[in-house]
């Protein structure tokens, strides 16, 4: 079991990695431009 401090450290580390990813940057850009994001690291799922 993790302590609260350990869990927070892991979560912060993972958030920093995710925020630096191309998909995160594309998502933020697409949101600002009010368009559907064009993610490259996952396959699109037919809706």
PDB file of N, CA and C in Angstrom:
ATOM      1  N   UNK A   1       0.846  -1.177   0.000  1.00  0.00           N
ATOM      2  CA  UNK A   1       0.000   0.000   0.000  1.00  0.00           C
ATOM      3  C   UNK A   1       0.895   1.245   0.000  1.00  0.00           C
ATOM      4  N   UNK A   2       0.505   2.231  -0.761  1.00  0.00           N
ATOM      5  CA  UNK A   2       1.269   3.471  -0.855  1.00  0.00           C
ATOM      6  C   UNK A   2       0.795   4.485   0.179  1.00  0.00           C
ATOM      7  N   UNK A   3       1.721   5.314   0.591  1.00  0.00           N
ATOM      8  CA  UNK A   3       1.319   6.441   1.423  1.00  0.00           C
ATOM      9  C   UNK A   3       0.744   7.514   0.509  1.00  0.00           C
ATOM     10  N   UNK A   4       0.087   8.492   1.091  1.00  0.00           N
ATOM     11  CA  UNK A   4      -0.458   9.602   0.309  1.00  0.00           C
ATOM     12  C   UNK A   4       0.666  10.338  -0.408  1.00  0.00           C
ATOM     13  N   UNK A   5       1.774  10.525   0.274  1.00  0.00           N
ATOM     14  CA  UNK A   5       2.923  11.212  -0.326  1.00  0.00           C
ATOM     15  C   UNK A   5       3.444  10.442  -1.546  1.00  0.00           C
ATOM     16  N   UNK A   6       3.597   9.125  -1.423  1.00  0.00           N
ATOM     17  CA  UNK A   6       4.078   8.308  -2.539  1.00  0.00           C
ATOM     18  C   UNK A   6       3.114   8.358  -3.717  1.00  0.00           C
ATOM     19  N   UNK A   7       1.821   8.238  -3.434  1.00  0.00           N
ATOM     20  CA  UNK A   7       0.820   8.277  -4.492  1.00  0.00           C
ATOM     21  C   UNK A   7       0.827   9.620  -5.209  1.00  0.00           C
ATOM     22  N   UNK A   8       0.983  10.703  -4.446  1.00  0.00           N
ATOM     23  CA  UNK A   8       1.037  12.040  -5.048  1.00  0.00           C
ATOM     24  C   UNK A   8       2.273  12.193  -5.913  1.00  0.00           C
ATOM     25  N   UNK A   9       3.398  11.676  -5.466  1.00  0.00           N
ATOM     26  CA  UNK A   9       4.636  11.754  -6.251  1.00  0.00           C
ATOM     27  C   UNK A   9       4.482  11.003  -7.575  1.00  0.00           C
ATOM     28  N   UNK A  10       3.901   9.799  -7.535  1.00  0.00           N
ATOM     29  CA  UNK A  10       3.678   9.018  -8.763  1.00  0.00           C
ATOM     30  C   UNK A  10       2.715   9.743  -9.697  1.00  0.00           C
ATOM     31  N   UNK A  11       1.637  10.282  -9.138  1.00  0.00           N
ATOM     32  CA  UNK A  11       0.640  10.980  -9.958  1.00  0.00           C
ATOM     33  C   UNK A  11       1.246  12.221 -10.609  1.00  0.00           C
ATOM     34  N   UNK A  12       2.032  12.977  -9.868  1.00  0.00           N
ATOM     35  CA  UNK A  12       2.671  14.166 -10.431  1.00  0.00           C
ATOM     36  C   UNK A  12       3.644  13.800 -11.545  1.00  0.00           C
ATOM     37  N   UNK A  13       4.407  12.744 -11.341  1.00  0.00           N
ATOM     38  CA  UNK A  13       5.352  12.293 -12.359  1.00  0.00           C
ATOM     39  C   UNK A  13       4.622  11.883 -13.640  1.00  0.00           C
ATOM     40  N   UNK A  14       3.550  11.124 -13.481  1.00  0.00           N
ATOM     41  CA  UNK A  14       2.783  10.678 -14.651  1.00  0.00           C
ATOM     42  C   UNK A  14       2.104  11.846 -15.361  1.00  0.00           C
ATOM     43  N   UNK A  15       1.640  12.833 -14.605  1.00  0.00           N
ATOM     44  CA  UNK A  15       0.994  13.996 -15.210  1.00  0.00           C
ATOM     45  C   UNK A  15       1.994  14.815 -16.032  1.00  0.00           C
ATOM     46  N   UNK A  16       3.192  14.958 -15.526  1.00  0.00           N
ATOM     47  CA  UNK A  16       4.229  15.684 -16.263  1.00  0.00           C
ATOM     48  C   UNK A  16       4.540  14.977 -17.573  1.00  0.00           C
ATOM     49  N   UNK A  17       4.654  13.643 -17.530  1.00  0.00           N
ATOM     50  CA  UNK A  17       4.910  12.870 -18.751  1.00  0.00           C
ATOM     51  C   UNK A  17       3.759  13.004 -19.736  1.00  0.00           C
ATOM     52  N   UNK A  18       2.531  12.932 -19.251  1.00  0.00           N
ATOM     53  CA  UNK A  18       1.367  13.024 -20.137  1.00  0.00           C
ATOM     54  C   UNK A  18       1.245  14.412 -20.751  1.00  0.00           C
ATOM     55  N   UNK A  19       1.497  15.443 -19.973  1.00  0.00           N
ATOM     56  CA  UNK A  19       1.379  16.813 -20.471  1.00  0.00           C
ATOM     57  C   UNK A  19       2.428  17.143 -21.521  1.00  0.00           C
ATOM     58  N   UNK A  20       3.505  16.391 -21.558  1.00  0.00           N
ATOM     59  CA  UNK A  20       4.568  16.625 -22.539  1.00  0.00           C
ATOM     60  C   UNK A  20       4.346  15.831 -23.828  1.00  0.00           C
ATOM     61  N   UNK A  21       3.315  14.995 -23.859  1.00  0.00           N
ATOM     62  CA  UNK A  21       3.099  14.130 -25.019  1.00  0.00           C
ATOM     63  C   UNK A  21       2.504  14.899 -26.196  1.00  0.00           C
ATOM     64  N   UNK A  22       2.791  14.458 -27.406  1.00  0.00           N
ATOM     65  CA  UNK A  22       2.214  15.093 -28.591  1.00  0.00           C
ATOM     66  C   UNK A  22       0.677  15.052 -28.591  1.00  0.00           C
ATOM     67  N   UNK A  23       0.095  13.970 -28.076  1.00  0.00           N
ATOM     68  CA  UNK A  23      -1.363  13.866 -28.042  1.00  0.00           C
ATOM     69  C   UNK A  23      -1.980  14.911 -27.116  1.00  0.00           C
ATOM     70  N   UNK A  24      -1.352  15.175 -25.981  1.00  0.00           N
ATOM     71  CA  UNK A  24      -1.868  16.202 -25.076  1.00  0.00           C
ATOM     72  C   UNK A  24      -1.837  17.560 -25.758  1.00  0.00           C
ATOM     73  N   UNK A  25      -0.712  17.859 -26.387  1.00  0.00           N
ATOM     74  CA  UNK A  25      -0.577  19.148 -27.078  1.00  0.00           C
ATOM     75  C   UNK A  25      -1.600  19.279 -28.200  1.00  0.00           C
ATOM     76  N   UNK A  26      -1.835  18.189 -28.944  1.00  0.00           N
ATOM     77  CA  UNK A  26      -2.835  18.214 -30.013  1.00  0.00           C
ATOM     78  C   UNK A  26      -4.231  18.405 -29.430  1.00  0.00           C
ATOM     79  N   UNK A  27      -4.518  17.758 -28.309  1.00  0.00           N
ATOM     80  CA  UNK A  27      -5.827  17.904 -27.678  1.00  0.00           C
ATOM     81  C   UNK A  27      -6.099  19.326 -27.233  1.00  0.00           C
ATOM     82  N   UNK A  28      -5.107  19.953 -26.630  1.00  0.00           N
ATOM     83  CA  UNK A  28      -5.267  21.342 -26.179  1.00  0.00           C
ATOM     84  C   UNK A  28      -5.435  22.263 -27.384  1.00  0.00           C
ATOM     85  N   UNK A  29      -4.629  22.051 -28.416  1.00  0.00           N
ATOM     86  CA  UNK A  29      -4.716  22.882 -29.623  1.00  0.00           C
ATOM     87  C   UNK A  29      -6.082  22.726 -30.294  1.00  0.00           C
ATOM     88  N   UNK A  30      -6.540  21.481 -30.421  1.00  0.00           N
ATOM     89  CA  UNK A  30      -7.838  21.223 -31.051  1.00  0.00           C
ATOM     90  C   UNK A  30      -8.972  21.849 -30.249  1.00  0.00           C
ATOM     91  N   UNK A  31      -8.891  21.763 -28.936  1.00  0.00           N
ATOM     92  CA  UNK A  31      -9.914  22.371 -28.084  1.00  0.00           C
ATOM     93  C   UNK A  31      -9.969  23.874 -28.316  1.00  0.00           C
ATOM     94  N   UNK A  32      -8.814  24.508 -28.360  1.00  0.00           N
ATOM     95  CA  UNK A  32      -8.760  25.949 -28.580  1.00  0.00           C
ATOM     96  C   UNK A  32      -9.277  26.356 -29.942  1.00  0.00           C
ATOM     97  N   UNK A  33      -9.076  25.471 -30.921  1.00  0.00           N
ATOM     98  CA  UNK A  33      -9.531  25.750 -32.286  1.00  0.00           C
ATOM     99  C   UNK A  33     -10.941  25.218 -32.545  1.00  0.00           C
ATOM    100  N   UNK A  34     -11.550  24.632 -31.506  1.00  0.00           N
ATOM    101  CA  UNK A  34     -12.913  24.079 -31.579  1.00  0.00           C
ATOM    102  C   UNK A  34     -13.065  23.091 -32.735  1.00  0.00           C
ATOM    103  N   UNK A  35     -12.146  22.122 -32.764  1.00  0.00           N
ATOM    104  CA  UNK A  35     -12.189  21.081 -33.790  1.00  0.00           C
ATOM    105  C   UNK A  35     -11.899  19.729 -33.140  1.00  0.00           C
ATOM    106  N   UNK A  36     -12.177  18.674 -33.875  1.00  0.00           N
ATOM    107  CA  UNK A  36     -11.901  17.333 -33.388  1.00  0.00           C
ATOM    108  C   UNK A  36     -10.387  17.104 -33.405  1.00  0.00           C
ATOM    109  N   UNK A  37      -9.813  16.549 -32.343  1.00  0.00           N
ATOM    110  CA  UNK A  37      -8.373  16.323 -32.320  1.00  0.00           C
ATOM    111  C   UNK A  37      -7.959  15.197 -33.263  1.00  0.00           C
ATOM    112  N   UNK A  38      -6.764  15.301 -33.788  1.00  0.00           N
ATOM    113  CA  UNK A  38      -6.201  14.277 -34.666  1.00  0.00           C
ATOM    114  C   UNK A  38      -5.066  13.591 -33.911  1.00  0.00           C
ATOM    115  N   UNK A  39      -5.431  12.678 -33.011  1.00  0.00           N
ATOM    116  CA  UNK A  39      -4.432  11.960 -32.227  1.00  0.00           C
ATOM    117  C   UNK A  39      -3.700  10.962 -33.113  1.00  0.00           C
ATOM    118  N   UNK A  40      -2.397  10.836 -32.899  1.00  0.00           N
ATOM    119  CA  UNK A  40      -1.601   9.939 -33.720  1.00  0.00           C
ATOM    120  C   UNK A  40      -1.243   8.646 -33.010  1.00  0.00           C
ATOM    121  N   UNK A  41      -1.312   8.602 -31.690  1.00  0.00           N
ATOM    122  CA  UNK A  41      -0.821   7.425 -30.985  1.00  0.00           C
ATOM    123  C   UNK A  41      -1.899   6.376 -30.683  1.00  0.00           C
ATOM    124  N   UNK A  42      -3.143   6.678 -31.018  1.00  0.00           N
ATOM    125  CA  UNK A  42      -4.208   5.689 -30.829  1.00  0.00           C
ATOM    126  C   UNK A  42      -5.024   5.607 -32.115  1.00  0.00           C
ATOM    127  N   UNK A  43      -5.608   4.437 -32.319  1.00  0.00           N
ATOM    128  CA  UNK A  43      -6.448   4.277 -33.498  1.00  0.00           C
ATOM    129  C   UNK A  43      -7.812   4.889 -33.233  1.00  0.00           C
ATOM    130  N   UNK A  44      -8.403   5.493 -34.255  1.00  0.00           N
ATOM    131  CA  UNK A  44      -9.744   6.032 -34.090  1.00  0.00           C
ATOM    132  C   UNK A  44     -10.750   4.889 -34.002  1.00  0.00           C
ATOM    133  N   UNK A  45     -11.720   5.089 -33.163  1.00  0.00           N
ATOM    134  CA  UNK A  45     -12.790   4.114 -32.982  1.00  0.00           C
ATOM    135  C   UNK A  45     -14.002   4.623 -33.725  1.00  0.00           C
ATOM    136  N   UNK A  46     -14.586   3.787 -34.580  1.00  0.00           N
ATOM    137  CA  UNK A  46     -15.795   4.205 -35.302  1.00  0.00           C
ATOM    138  C   UNK A  46     -16.924   4.418 -34.308  1.00  0.00           C
ATOM    139  N   UNK A  47     -17.628   5.523 -34.498  1.00  0.00           N
ATOM    140  CA  UNK A  47     -18.747   5.839 -33.611  1.00  0.00           C
ATOM    141  C   UNK A  47     -20.046   5.409 -34.216  1.00  0.00           C
TER     142      UNK A  47
END
